[in-house]
N, C-alpha and C. Protein backbone atom coordinates (compact mmCIF):
# COMPACT_ATOMS: atom_id res chain seq x y z
N MET A 1 56.48 81.98 -50.12
CA MET A 1 57.13 82.97 -49.27
C MET A 1 57.60 84.17 -50.09
N SER A 2 58.12 83.93 -51.30
CA SER A 2 58.61 85.02 -52.13
C SER A 2 57.47 85.96 -52.52
N LEU A 3 56.27 85.40 -52.75
CA LEU A 3 55.11 86.22 -53.09
C LEU A 3 54.71 87.10 -51.92
N ILE A 4 54.72 86.53 -50.72
CA ILE A 4 54.38 87.32 -49.53
C ILE A 4 55.42 88.40 -49.29
N ARG A 5 56.69 88.05 -49.52
CA ARG A 5 57.75 89.04 -49.33
C ARG A 5 57.61 90.18 -50.34
N ALA A 6 57.30 89.82 -51.58
CA ALA A 6 57.11 90.85 -52.61
C ALA A 6 55.93 91.75 -52.27
N PHE A 7 54.86 91.15 -51.73
CA PHE A 7 53.70 91.94 -51.33
C PHE A 7 54.06 92.92 -50.22
N ASN A 8 54.79 92.44 -49.23
CA ASN A 8 55.18 93.29 -48.10
C ASN A 8 56.13 94.40 -48.53
N GLN A 9 56.91 94.13 -49.57
CA GLN A 9 57.87 95.13 -50.04
C GLN A 9 57.23 96.17 -50.96
N GLY A 10 56.00 95.91 -51.39
CA GLY A 10 55.37 96.80 -52.37
C GLY A 10 54.83 98.09 -51.80
N GLY A 11 54.75 98.19 -50.49
CA GLY A 11 54.26 99.43 -49.89
C GLY A 11 52.78 99.42 -49.61
N PHE A 12 52.27 100.57 -49.17
CA PHE A 12 50.88 100.69 -48.72
C PHE A 12 49.89 100.44 -49.85
N MET A 13 50.21 100.83 -51.08
CA MET A 13 49.26 100.70 -52.19
C MET A 13 48.93 99.24 -52.52
N MET A 14 49.71 98.32 -52.02
CA MET A 14 49.41 96.91 -52.27
C MET A 14 48.09 96.50 -51.64
N TYR A 15 47.72 97.15 -50.54
CA TYR A 15 46.51 96.76 -49.82
C TYR A 15 45.23 97.16 -50.55
N PRO A 16 45.10 98.41 -51.04
CA PRO A 16 43.90 98.71 -51.84
C PRO A 16 43.82 97.89 -53.12
N ILE A 17 44.98 97.55 -53.71
CA ILE A 17 44.97 96.71 -54.90
C ILE A 17 44.47 95.31 -54.54
N LEU A 18 44.88 94.81 -53.38
CA LEU A 18 44.41 93.50 -52.92
C LEU A 18 42.90 93.51 -52.71
N VAL A 19 42.38 94.61 -52.13
CA VAL A 19 40.93 94.73 -51.93
C VAL A 19 40.21 94.71 -53.28
N LEU A 20 40.75 95.42 -54.27
CA LEU A 20 40.15 95.41 -55.61
C LEU A 20 40.17 94.01 -56.21
N GLY A 21 41.25 93.28 -55.96
CA GLY A 21 41.34 91.92 -56.47
C GLY A 21 40.28 91.00 -55.87
N ILE A 22 40.02 91.18 -54.58
CA ILE A 22 39.00 90.37 -53.91
C ILE A 22 37.61 90.72 -54.45
N ILE A 23 37.34 92.02 -54.63
CA ILE A 23 36.06 92.46 -55.18
C ILE A 23 35.87 91.92 -56.59
N MET A 24 36.94 91.98 -57.40
CA MET A 24 36.89 91.45 -58.76
C MET A 24 36.51 89.98 -58.76
N LEU A 25 37.12 89.22 -57.86
CA LEU A 25 36.84 87.79 -57.78
C LEU A 25 35.40 87.52 -57.39
N MET A 26 34.89 88.27 -56.43
CA MET A 26 33.51 88.08 -55.96
C MET A 26 32.51 88.41 -57.07
N ILE A 27 32.73 89.54 -57.75
CA ILE A 27 31.83 89.93 -58.84
C ILE A 27 31.86 88.89 -59.95
N SER A 28 33.04 88.42 -60.30
CA SER A 28 33.19 87.47 -61.41
C SER A 28 32.47 86.16 -61.11
N ILE A 29 32.63 85.65 -59.89
CA ILE A 29 31.97 84.40 -59.52
C ILE A 29 30.45 84.56 -59.55
N GLU A 30 29.95 85.65 -58.97
CA GLU A 30 28.50 85.88 -58.92
C GLU A 30 27.92 86.06 -60.32
N ARG A 31 28.58 86.85 -61.17
CA ARG A 31 28.08 87.08 -62.53
C ARG A 31 28.18 85.83 -63.38
N PHE A 32 29.24 85.06 -63.19
CA PHE A 32 29.39 83.82 -63.95
C PHE A 32 28.24 82.86 -63.62
N TYR A 33 27.90 82.77 -62.35
CA TYR A 33 26.79 81.90 -61.95
C TYR A 33 25.47 82.39 -62.55
N VAL A 34 25.23 83.69 -62.47
CA VAL A 34 23.97 84.25 -62.97
C VAL A 34 23.86 84.09 -64.48
N LEU A 35 24.92 84.42 -65.21
CA LEU A 35 24.85 84.46 -66.67
C LEU A 35 24.95 83.09 -67.32
N TYR A 36 25.59 82.14 -66.64
CA TYR A 36 25.79 80.83 -67.27
C TYR A 36 24.91 79.72 -66.68
N PHE A 37 24.30 79.98 -65.54
CA PHE A 37 23.48 78.95 -64.92
C PHE A 37 22.06 79.46 -64.64
N LYS A 38 21.94 80.54 -63.90
CA LYS A 38 20.63 81.02 -63.46
C LYS A 38 19.78 81.50 -64.63
N THR A 39 20.38 82.16 -65.61
CA THR A 39 19.63 82.71 -66.74
C THR A 39 19.87 81.93 -68.02
N ASN A 40 20.49 80.78 -67.92
CA ASN A 40 20.82 80.00 -69.12
C ASN A 40 19.62 79.14 -69.54
N LEU A 41 18.93 79.57 -70.60
CA LEU A 41 17.77 78.85 -71.11
C LEU A 41 17.97 78.52 -72.58
N ASP A 42 17.38 77.41 -72.98
CA ASP A 42 17.36 77.06 -74.39
C ASP A 42 16.23 77.86 -75.04
N LYS A 43 16.60 78.93 -75.73
CA LYS A 43 15.58 79.85 -76.24
C LYS A 43 14.64 79.18 -77.23
N GLU A 44 15.17 78.30 -78.07
CA GLU A 44 14.30 77.64 -79.05
C GLU A 44 13.32 76.69 -78.37
N HIS A 45 13.79 75.99 -77.33
CA HIS A 45 12.90 75.09 -76.59
C HIS A 45 11.79 75.87 -75.91
N ILE A 46 12.15 77.00 -75.30
CA ILE A 46 11.15 77.82 -74.63
C ILE A 46 10.12 78.33 -75.63
N PHE A 47 10.60 78.81 -76.78
CA PHE A 47 9.69 79.34 -77.78
C PHE A 47 8.74 78.26 -78.30
N LYS A 48 9.26 77.06 -78.55
CA LYS A 48 8.42 75.97 -79.03
C LYS A 48 7.39 75.57 -77.98
N SER A 49 7.80 75.56 -76.71
CA SER A 49 6.86 75.21 -75.64
C SER A 49 5.74 76.25 -75.54
N LEU A 50 6.11 77.53 -75.64
CA LEU A 50 5.12 78.59 -75.55
C LEU A 50 4.15 78.54 -76.73
N THR A 51 4.70 78.40 -77.92
CA THR A 51 3.84 78.40 -79.11
C THR A 51 2.95 77.16 -79.16
N ALA A 52 3.43 76.05 -78.63
CA ALA A 52 2.60 74.84 -78.60
C ALA A 52 1.35 75.08 -77.76
N HIS A 53 1.53 75.72 -76.60
CA HIS A 53 0.37 76.05 -75.76
C HIS A 53 -0.48 77.14 -76.40
N LEU A 54 0.18 78.08 -77.06
CA LEU A 54 -0.54 79.17 -77.67
C LEU A 54 -1.48 78.67 -78.77
N LEU A 55 -1.00 77.75 -79.59
CA LEU A 55 -1.81 77.21 -80.69
C LEU A 55 -3.02 76.43 -80.17
N LYS A 56 -2.92 75.97 -78.92
CA LYS A 56 -4.06 75.28 -78.30
C LYS A 56 -4.98 76.26 -77.58
N GLY A 57 -4.57 77.54 -77.55
CA GLY A 57 -5.35 78.51 -76.80
C GLY A 57 -5.18 78.35 -75.30
N ASP A 58 -4.09 77.71 -74.89
CA ASP A 58 -3.86 77.39 -73.48
C ASP A 58 -2.99 78.48 -72.85
N LEU A 59 -3.61 79.55 -72.43
CA LEU A 59 -2.88 80.66 -71.81
C LEU A 59 -2.28 80.25 -70.47
N GLU A 60 -3.03 79.45 -69.71
CA GLU A 60 -2.52 78.99 -68.42
C GLU A 60 -1.27 78.13 -68.62
N GLY A 61 -1.25 77.33 -69.68
CA GLY A 61 -0.07 76.52 -69.96
C GLY A 61 1.14 77.36 -70.27
N MET A 62 0.93 78.47 -70.97
CA MET A 62 2.04 79.38 -71.27
C MET A 62 2.59 80.00 -69.98
N LEU A 63 1.69 80.34 -69.08
CA LEU A 63 2.13 80.90 -67.80
C LEU A 63 2.92 79.88 -66.99
N VAL A 64 2.51 78.62 -67.06
CA VAL A 64 3.23 77.55 -66.35
C VAL A 64 4.63 77.40 -66.92
N VAL A 65 4.77 77.47 -68.24
CA VAL A 65 6.09 77.38 -68.88
C VAL A 65 6.98 78.51 -68.37
N CYS A 66 6.43 79.70 -68.27
CA CYS A 66 7.20 80.85 -67.77
C CYS A 66 7.61 80.64 -66.31
N ASP A 67 6.68 80.13 -65.50
CA ASP A 67 6.98 79.92 -64.08
C ASP A 67 8.02 78.81 -63.87
N GLN A 68 8.02 77.83 -64.76
CA GLN A 68 8.98 76.73 -64.64
C GLN A 68 10.39 77.13 -65.09
N ASN A 69 10.50 78.25 -65.75
CA ASN A 69 11.81 78.73 -66.24
C ASN A 69 12.01 80.16 -65.76
N PRO A 70 12.32 80.33 -64.47
CA PRO A 70 12.41 81.68 -63.90
C PRO A 70 13.67 82.42 -64.35
N ALA A 71 13.64 82.93 -65.55
CA ALA A 71 14.75 83.69 -66.11
C ALA A 71 14.19 84.99 -66.68
N PRO A 72 15.04 85.99 -66.95
CA PRO A 72 14.54 87.27 -67.47
C PRO A 72 13.63 87.13 -68.68
N MET A 73 14.00 86.24 -69.60
CA MET A 73 13.20 86.04 -70.81
C MET A 73 11.77 85.63 -70.46
N SER A 74 11.63 84.66 -69.56
CA SER A 74 10.31 84.17 -69.16
C SER A 74 9.52 85.22 -68.41
N LYS A 75 10.19 86.01 -67.58
CA LYS A 75 9.51 87.04 -66.81
C LYS A 75 8.93 88.11 -67.72
N ILE A 76 9.67 88.46 -68.77
CA ILE A 76 9.18 89.47 -69.72
C ILE A 76 7.96 88.95 -70.46
N ILE A 77 8.04 87.72 -70.94
CA ILE A 77 6.91 87.12 -71.66
C ILE A 77 5.69 86.99 -70.74
N LYS A 78 5.94 86.65 -69.49
CA LYS A 78 4.83 86.51 -68.55
C LYS A 78 4.08 87.82 -68.37
N LYS A 79 4.80 88.94 -68.38
CA LYS A 79 4.14 90.24 -68.25
C LYS A 79 3.19 90.47 -69.42
N CYS A 80 3.62 90.05 -70.61
CA CYS A 80 2.76 90.19 -71.79
C CYS A 80 1.50 89.33 -71.64
N LEU A 81 1.68 88.11 -71.14
CA LEU A 81 0.55 87.19 -71.00
C LEU A 81 -0.45 87.69 -69.95
N ILE A 82 0.07 88.24 -68.87
CA ILE A 82 -0.81 88.77 -67.83
C ILE A 82 -1.61 89.95 -68.37
N ARG A 83 -0.93 90.80 -69.15
CA ARG A 83 -1.65 91.93 -69.75
C ARG A 83 -2.70 91.43 -70.74
N LEU A 84 -2.40 90.34 -71.44
CA LEU A 84 -3.37 89.76 -72.37
C LEU A 84 -4.57 89.21 -71.61
N MET A 85 -4.32 88.55 -70.48
CA MET A 85 -5.41 88.00 -69.67
C MET A 85 -6.33 89.11 -69.17
N ASN A 86 -5.76 90.30 -68.96
CA ASN A 86 -6.55 91.44 -68.50
C ASN A 86 -7.19 92.20 -69.66
N LYS A 87 -7.22 91.53 -70.82
CA LYS A 87 -7.85 92.09 -72.02
C LYS A 87 -7.19 93.38 -72.48
N GLY A 88 -5.88 93.40 -72.36
CA GLY A 88 -5.16 94.58 -72.80
C GLY A 88 -5.13 94.70 -74.31
N SER A 89 -5.01 95.92 -74.77
CA SER A 89 -4.90 96.17 -76.21
C SER A 89 -3.51 95.78 -76.69
N ASP A 90 -3.34 95.79 -78.02
CA ASP A 90 -2.03 95.47 -78.58
C ASP A 90 -0.96 96.43 -78.06
N ALA A 91 -1.33 97.70 -77.96
CA ALA A 91 -0.38 98.71 -77.47
C ALA A 91 -0.03 98.46 -76.01
N GLU A 92 -1.00 98.03 -75.22
CA GLU A 92 -0.75 97.75 -73.80
C GLU A 92 0.12 96.51 -73.63
N ILE A 93 -0.08 95.52 -74.49
CA ILE A 93 0.78 94.33 -74.43
C ILE A 93 2.21 94.70 -74.82
N GLN A 94 2.35 95.55 -75.83
CA GLN A 94 3.67 96.03 -76.23
C GLN A 94 4.33 96.81 -75.09
N ALA A 95 3.52 97.62 -74.39
CA ALA A 95 4.05 98.38 -73.25
C ALA A 95 4.52 97.45 -72.15
N ALA A 96 3.78 96.34 -71.94
CA ALA A 96 4.19 95.36 -70.93
C ALA A 96 5.52 94.72 -71.32
N LEU A 97 5.68 94.46 -72.62
CA LEU A 97 6.94 93.90 -73.11
C LEU A 97 8.10 94.86 -72.85
N ASP A 98 7.89 96.13 -73.17
CA ASP A 98 8.93 97.14 -72.97
C ASP A 98 9.23 97.32 -71.49
N GLU A 99 8.19 97.32 -70.68
CA GLU A 99 8.38 97.46 -69.23
C GLU A 99 9.18 96.30 -68.65
N GLY A 100 8.85 95.09 -69.12
CA GLY A 100 9.59 93.92 -68.64
C GLY A 100 11.05 93.97 -69.05
N ALA A 101 11.31 94.42 -70.28
CA ALA A 101 12.70 94.53 -70.74
C ALA A 101 13.47 95.56 -69.93
N MET A 102 12.83 96.68 -69.63
CA MET A 102 13.49 97.73 -68.85
C MET A 102 13.81 97.26 -67.44
N THR A 103 13.02 96.33 -66.93
CA THR A 103 13.24 95.80 -65.58
C THR A 103 14.31 94.71 -65.56
N GLU A 104 14.27 93.81 -66.53
CA GLU A 104 15.11 92.62 -66.50
C GLU A 104 16.49 92.80 -67.12
N VAL A 105 16.59 93.58 -68.19
CA VAL A 105 17.88 93.73 -68.87
C VAL A 105 18.96 94.32 -67.94
N PRO A 106 18.67 95.36 -67.15
CA PRO A 106 19.69 95.85 -66.23
C PRO A 106 20.18 94.81 -65.22
N GLN A 107 19.32 93.85 -64.88
CA GLN A 107 19.73 92.79 -63.95
C GLN A 107 20.79 91.88 -64.58
N ILE A 108 20.75 91.75 -65.89
CA ILE A 108 21.75 90.93 -66.60
C ILE A 108 23.09 91.65 -66.63
N GLU A 109 23.07 92.95 -66.86
CA GLU A 109 24.31 93.73 -66.98
C GLU A 109 24.85 94.20 -65.63
N LYS A 110 24.12 93.89 -64.58
CA LYS A 110 24.44 94.37 -63.24
C LYS A 110 25.87 94.04 -62.82
N ARG A 111 26.60 95.04 -62.35
CA ARG A 111 27.94 94.94 -61.77
C ARG A 111 29.04 94.57 -62.77
N ILE A 112 28.73 94.22 -64.00
CA ILE A 112 29.79 93.86 -64.95
C ILE A 112 30.71 95.04 -65.21
N GLY A 113 30.12 96.24 -65.31
CA GLY A 113 30.93 97.43 -65.57
C GLY A 113 31.98 97.71 -64.52
N PHE A 114 31.75 97.23 -63.28
CA PHE A 114 32.72 97.45 -62.22
C PHE A 114 34.06 96.77 -62.53
N LEU A 115 34.02 95.68 -63.30
CA LEU A 115 35.26 94.97 -63.62
C LEU A 115 36.19 95.85 -64.46
N ALA A 116 35.62 96.60 -65.39
CA ALA A 116 36.44 97.51 -66.20
C ALA A 116 37.02 98.62 -65.33
N VAL A 117 36.21 99.12 -64.39
CA VAL A 117 36.69 100.16 -63.48
C VAL A 117 37.81 99.62 -62.60
N ILE A 118 37.64 98.41 -62.09
CA ILE A 118 38.66 97.79 -61.25
C ILE A 118 39.96 97.63 -62.02
N GLY A 119 39.87 97.21 -63.29
CA GLY A 119 41.06 97.05 -64.11
C GLY A 119 41.82 98.35 -64.25
N ASN A 120 41.12 99.45 -64.51
CA ASN A 120 41.78 100.75 -64.67
C ASN A 120 42.35 101.27 -63.35
N VAL A 121 41.55 101.15 -62.29
CA VAL A 121 41.99 101.67 -61.00
C VAL A 121 43.18 100.88 -60.46
N ALA A 122 43.16 99.55 -60.63
CA ALA A 122 44.27 98.73 -60.14
C ALA A 122 45.57 99.11 -60.85
N THR A 123 45.49 99.38 -62.15
CA THR A 123 46.68 99.81 -62.89
C THR A 123 47.21 101.14 -62.36
N LEU A 124 46.29 102.09 -62.15
CA LEU A 124 46.70 103.41 -61.67
C LEU A 124 47.27 103.35 -60.25
N LEU A 125 46.66 102.52 -59.40
CA LEU A 125 47.20 102.38 -58.04
C LEU A 125 48.59 101.75 -58.06
N GLY A 126 48.78 100.79 -58.96
CA GLY A 126 50.10 100.19 -59.09
C GLY A 126 51.15 101.20 -59.51
N LEU A 127 50.79 102.05 -60.47
CA LEU A 127 51.72 103.09 -60.90
C LEU A 127 51.97 104.12 -59.80
N LEU A 128 50.89 104.47 -59.09
CA LEU A 128 51.04 105.42 -58.00
C LEU A 128 51.96 104.85 -56.91
N GLY A 129 51.76 103.57 -56.59
CA GLY A 129 52.63 102.94 -55.59
C GLY A 129 54.08 102.90 -56.03
N THR A 130 54.30 102.67 -57.31
CA THR A 130 55.68 102.64 -57.82
C THR A 130 56.31 104.03 -57.75
N ILE A 131 55.56 105.04 -58.13
CA ILE A 131 56.10 106.41 -58.11
C ILE A 131 56.44 106.85 -56.69
N THR A 132 55.51 106.59 -55.76
CA THR A 132 55.81 106.97 -54.37
C THR A 132 56.97 106.16 -53.82
N GLY A 133 57.06 104.89 -54.25
CA GLY A 133 58.19 104.07 -53.81
C GLY A 133 59.51 104.59 -54.35
N LEU A 134 59.53 105.05 -55.60
CA LEU A 134 60.74 105.60 -56.19
C LEU A 134 61.14 106.90 -55.50
N ILE A 135 60.15 107.71 -55.19
CA ILE A 135 60.44 108.96 -54.49
C ILE A 135 61.10 108.67 -53.15
N GLN A 136 60.56 107.70 -52.43
CA GLN A 136 61.13 107.34 -51.13
C GLN A 136 62.53 106.75 -51.29
N SER A 137 62.74 105.98 -52.36
CA SER A 137 64.05 105.37 -52.59
C SER A 137 65.10 106.42 -52.87
N PHE A 138 64.78 107.38 -53.73
CA PHE A 138 65.74 108.44 -54.05
C PHE A 138 66.01 109.32 -52.83
N ALA A 139 64.97 109.55 -52.04
CA ALA A 139 65.17 110.36 -50.83
C ALA A 139 66.06 109.61 -49.83
N ALA A 140 65.91 108.29 -49.77
CA ALA A 140 66.67 107.50 -48.80
C ALA A 140 68.16 107.44 -49.13
N VAL A 141 68.49 107.48 -50.42
CA VAL A 141 69.91 107.35 -50.81
C VAL A 141 70.58 108.70 -50.98
N ALA A 142 69.84 109.78 -50.73
CA ALA A 142 70.42 111.11 -50.94
C ALA A 142 71.59 111.38 -50.02
N ASP A 143 71.56 110.85 -48.82
CA ASP A 143 72.59 111.17 -47.83
C ASP A 143 73.55 110.02 -47.56
N VAL A 144 73.50 108.94 -48.35
CA VAL A 144 74.42 107.83 -48.12
C VAL A 144 75.67 108.00 -48.99
N ASP A 145 76.73 107.26 -48.65
CA ASP A 145 77.97 107.40 -49.41
C ASP A 145 77.84 106.73 -50.78
N ALA A 146 78.71 107.11 -51.68
CA ALA A 146 78.64 106.66 -53.07
C ALA A 146 78.79 105.15 -53.19
N ALA A 147 79.49 104.52 -52.29
CA ALA A 147 79.74 103.08 -52.39
C ALA A 147 78.46 102.27 -52.20
N THR A 148 77.57 102.74 -51.35
CA THR A 148 76.34 102.00 -51.07
C THR A 148 75.12 102.58 -51.77
N LYS A 149 75.28 103.73 -52.44
CA LYS A 149 74.14 104.40 -53.07
C LYS A 149 73.54 103.55 -54.18
N ALA A 150 74.39 102.98 -55.04
CA ALA A 150 73.88 102.20 -56.17
C ALA A 150 73.12 100.97 -55.71
N ALA A 151 73.66 100.28 -54.70
CA ALA A 151 73.00 99.08 -54.21
C ALA A 151 71.68 99.42 -53.54
N ALA A 152 71.65 100.48 -52.76
CA ALA A 152 70.42 100.88 -52.07
C ALA A 152 69.37 101.34 -53.06
N LEU A 153 69.81 102.07 -54.10
CA LEU A 153 68.86 102.55 -55.10
C LEU A 153 68.25 101.39 -55.90
N THR A 154 69.10 100.43 -56.25
CA THR A 154 68.62 99.26 -56.99
C THR A 154 67.60 98.48 -56.18
N LYS A 155 67.88 98.31 -54.91
CA LYS A 155 66.95 97.60 -54.03
C LYS A 155 65.63 98.35 -53.91
N GLY A 156 65.69 99.67 -53.77
CA GLY A 156 64.48 100.47 -53.64
C GLY A 156 63.63 100.42 -54.90
N ILE A 157 64.28 100.50 -56.07
CA ILE A 157 63.54 100.45 -57.33
C ILE A 157 62.88 99.08 -57.51
N SER A 158 63.61 98.02 -57.16
CA SER A 158 63.06 96.67 -57.27
C SER A 158 61.81 96.52 -56.41
N GLU A 159 61.87 97.05 -55.21
CA GLU A 159 60.71 96.95 -54.32
C GLU A 159 59.54 97.78 -54.85
N ALA A 160 59.85 98.96 -55.41
CA ALA A 160 58.78 99.83 -55.91
C ALA A 160 58.07 99.20 -57.09
N MET A 161 58.78 98.45 -57.93
CA MET A 161 58.18 97.84 -59.11
C MET A 161 57.21 96.72 -58.74
N ASN A 162 57.34 96.19 -57.54
CA ASN A 162 56.40 95.15 -57.11
C ASN A 162 54.96 95.66 -57.13
N CYS A 163 54.77 96.93 -56.84
CA CYS A 163 53.43 97.50 -56.79
C CYS A 163 52.82 97.55 -58.19
N THR A 164 53.61 97.95 -59.17
CA THR A 164 53.11 97.96 -60.55
C THR A 164 52.76 96.55 -61.01
N ALA A 165 53.63 95.60 -60.69
CA ALA A 165 53.39 94.21 -61.08
C ALA A 165 52.10 93.68 -60.46
N PHE A 166 51.88 93.97 -59.18
CA PHE A 166 50.69 93.48 -58.51
C PHE A 166 49.44 94.15 -59.07
N GLY A 167 49.55 95.44 -59.40
CA GLY A 167 48.42 96.13 -60.01
C GLY A 167 48.03 95.51 -61.34
N LEU A 168 49.03 95.13 -62.14
CA LEU A 168 48.75 94.49 -63.42
C LEU A 168 48.19 93.08 -63.25
N VAL A 169 48.64 92.39 -62.20
CA VAL A 169 48.11 91.05 -61.92
C VAL A 169 46.61 91.10 -61.66
N VAL A 170 46.15 92.19 -61.06
CA VAL A 170 44.71 92.36 -60.82
C VAL A 170 44.03 92.94 -62.05
N ALA A 171 44.67 93.90 -62.72
CA ALA A 171 44.03 94.62 -63.82
C ALA A 171 43.79 93.75 -65.04
N VAL A 172 44.76 92.95 -65.42
CA VAL A 172 44.64 92.15 -66.65
C VAL A 172 43.48 91.16 -66.57
N PRO A 173 43.36 90.34 -65.50
CA PRO A 173 42.19 89.45 -65.41
C PRO A 173 40.87 90.21 -65.34
N ALA A 174 40.89 91.37 -64.67
CA ALA A 174 39.64 92.14 -64.54
C ALA A 174 39.14 92.58 -65.91
N ILE A 175 40.04 93.06 -66.77
CA ILE A 175 39.64 93.52 -68.09
C ILE A 175 39.21 92.35 -68.97
N ILE A 176 39.93 91.23 -68.87
CA ILE A 176 39.55 90.04 -69.64
C ILE A 176 38.18 89.54 -69.21
N LEU A 177 37.96 89.46 -67.91
CA LEU A 177 36.67 89.00 -67.39
C LEU A 177 35.54 89.95 -67.77
N TYR A 178 35.84 91.25 -67.78
CA TYR A 178 34.83 92.23 -68.20
C TYR A 178 34.38 91.97 -69.63
N SER A 179 35.35 91.79 -70.53
CA SER A 179 35.01 91.52 -71.93
C SER A 179 34.24 90.22 -72.08
N PHE A 180 34.68 89.20 -71.36
CA PHE A 180 34.07 87.88 -71.43
C PHE A 180 32.62 87.92 -70.96
N LEU A 181 32.39 88.51 -69.78
CA LEU A 181 31.05 88.55 -69.20
C LEU A 181 30.14 89.53 -69.94
N GLN A 182 30.71 90.62 -70.45
CA GLN A 182 29.91 91.58 -71.20
C GLN A 182 29.39 90.96 -72.49
N ASN A 183 30.24 90.19 -73.15
CA ASN A 183 29.80 89.50 -74.37
C ASN A 183 28.69 88.49 -74.07
N ARG A 184 28.83 87.79 -72.95
CA ARG A 184 27.80 86.83 -72.55
C ARG A 184 26.49 87.55 -72.25
N ALA A 185 26.58 88.67 -71.52
CA ALA A 185 25.38 89.43 -71.19
C ALA A 185 24.69 89.94 -72.46
N GLN A 186 25.47 90.43 -73.41
CA GLN A 186 24.89 90.92 -74.65
C GLN A 186 24.22 89.81 -75.44
N ALA A 187 24.82 88.62 -75.42
CA ALA A 187 24.20 87.49 -76.11
C ALA A 187 22.86 87.13 -75.48
N LEU A 188 22.79 87.17 -74.14
CA LEU A 188 21.52 86.90 -73.45
C LEU A 188 20.48 87.96 -73.77
N ILE A 189 20.90 89.21 -73.82
CA ILE A 189 19.97 90.30 -74.13
C ILE A 189 19.44 90.15 -75.55
N ASP A 190 20.31 89.77 -76.48
CA ASP A 190 19.87 89.54 -77.87
C ASP A 190 18.85 88.40 -77.93
N ASP A 191 19.10 87.33 -77.16
CA ASP A 191 18.14 86.22 -77.11
C ASP A 191 16.80 86.66 -76.55
N ILE A 192 16.85 87.47 -75.49
CA ILE A 192 15.62 87.97 -74.88
C ILE A 192 14.82 88.80 -75.87
N ASN A 193 15.52 89.70 -76.57
CA ASN A 193 14.83 90.55 -77.55
C ASN A 193 14.21 89.70 -78.67
N GLU A 194 14.99 88.73 -79.13
CA GLU A 194 14.51 87.89 -80.23
C GLU A 194 13.26 87.10 -79.85
N ILE A 195 13.35 86.36 -78.74
CA ILE A 195 12.23 85.49 -78.34
C ILE A 195 11.03 86.30 -77.87
N SER A 196 11.28 87.41 -77.18
CA SER A 196 10.17 88.23 -76.70
C SER A 196 9.38 88.80 -77.87
N ILE A 197 10.08 89.31 -78.87
CA ILE A 197 9.40 89.89 -80.02
C ILE A 197 8.69 88.81 -80.83
N LYS A 198 9.34 87.66 -81.02
CA LYS A 198 8.71 86.56 -81.75
C LYS A 198 7.44 86.09 -81.03
N THR A 199 7.52 85.97 -79.71
CA THR A 199 6.35 85.54 -78.94
C THR A 199 5.25 86.60 -78.99
N PHE A 200 5.63 87.86 -78.88
CA PHE A 200 4.66 88.96 -78.94
C PHE A 200 3.92 88.95 -80.28
N ASN A 201 4.67 88.83 -81.37
CA ASN A 201 4.04 88.81 -82.69
C ASN A 201 3.14 87.58 -82.86
N PHE A 202 3.60 86.46 -82.30
CA PHE A 202 2.81 85.23 -82.41
C PHE A 202 1.53 85.33 -81.61
N ILE A 203 1.59 86.00 -80.47
CA ILE A 203 0.39 86.21 -79.65
C ILE A 203 -0.62 87.07 -80.40
N LEU A 204 -0.14 88.16 -80.98
CA LEU A 204 -1.05 89.05 -81.70
C LEU A 204 -1.67 88.36 -82.91
N ALA A 205 -0.86 87.54 -83.59
CA ALA A 205 -1.36 86.87 -84.78
C ALA A 205 -2.38 85.77 -84.45
N ASN A 206 -2.33 85.27 -83.21
CA ASN A 206 -3.21 84.15 -82.84
C ASN A 206 -4.07 84.50 -81.62
N ARG A 207 -4.31 85.76 -81.46
CA ARG A 207 -5.02 86.21 -80.26
C ARG A 207 -6.41 85.60 -80.13
N GLU A 208 -7.06 85.38 -81.25
CA GLU A 208 -8.43 84.86 -81.22
C GLU A 208 -8.50 83.47 -80.62
N ARG A 209 -7.39 82.76 -80.59
CA ARG A 209 -7.38 81.40 -80.03
C ARG A 209 -7.67 81.41 -78.53
N PHE A 210 -7.37 82.54 -77.87
CA PHE A 210 -7.61 82.62 -76.43
C PHE A 210 -9.04 83.05 -76.12
N GLY A 211 -9.74 83.51 -77.13
CA GLY A 211 -11.11 83.98 -76.89
C GLY A 211 -11.15 85.23 -76.05
N ILE A 212 -10.07 86.02 -76.10
CA ILE A 212 -10.00 87.25 -75.31
C ILE A 212 -10.09 88.44 -76.27
N THR A 213 -11.08 89.25 -76.09
CA THR A 213 -11.23 90.43 -76.93
C THR A 213 -10.61 91.63 -76.26
N THR A 214 -10.21 92.58 -77.07
CA THR A 214 -9.60 93.79 -76.54
C THR A 214 -10.63 94.59 -75.77
N LYS A 215 -10.23 95.07 -74.60
CA LYS A 215 -11.16 95.86 -73.82
C LYS A 215 -11.38 97.22 -74.47
N ASP A 216 -12.48 97.78 -74.22
CA ASP A 216 -12.80 99.08 -74.83
C ASP A 216 -11.99 100.18 -74.18
């Protein structure tokens, strides 16, 4: 009840801060699922599986490995393999790798930046709500007698500070979650770059195993 009362006493700015808090929660849950479950692959296992098929000249097997692990890393490698099947040159396979990275990497970083924005905006809205609350409090006590002025002013200031507190309650987790998820996204991107380049170099070094010659 005290939390609800504090929210009601915080003024109009409490509502946009609440909306930001809900958005922060939704983004965090969705990104956590994507970054820790949907795109979570054992990079060394994937690389070993791919190279095992590659050494056998089994291009179809490599494609199956990619299809069985539908993550950005696998999708990028699959683009390289498809270009190889079409007798692409080394430069064309490299272009496929770059194209896949440009498509998939933004999907990993998607919406994470909004958490930092939410953290900043929630803080500013909290301060704005406090300032407007203080202005209203001072205006309200301007015409009251001296005996009740101090009590009324104290009450008004206390209510106005609720907005700053609520803004920080939303801002602090938003900034922490931004740092946490951004670090995770960067780690995934580093893994993608590492395995994609290793696989690309391995393909070029063992291209003759597939019996595919470069098209003219």
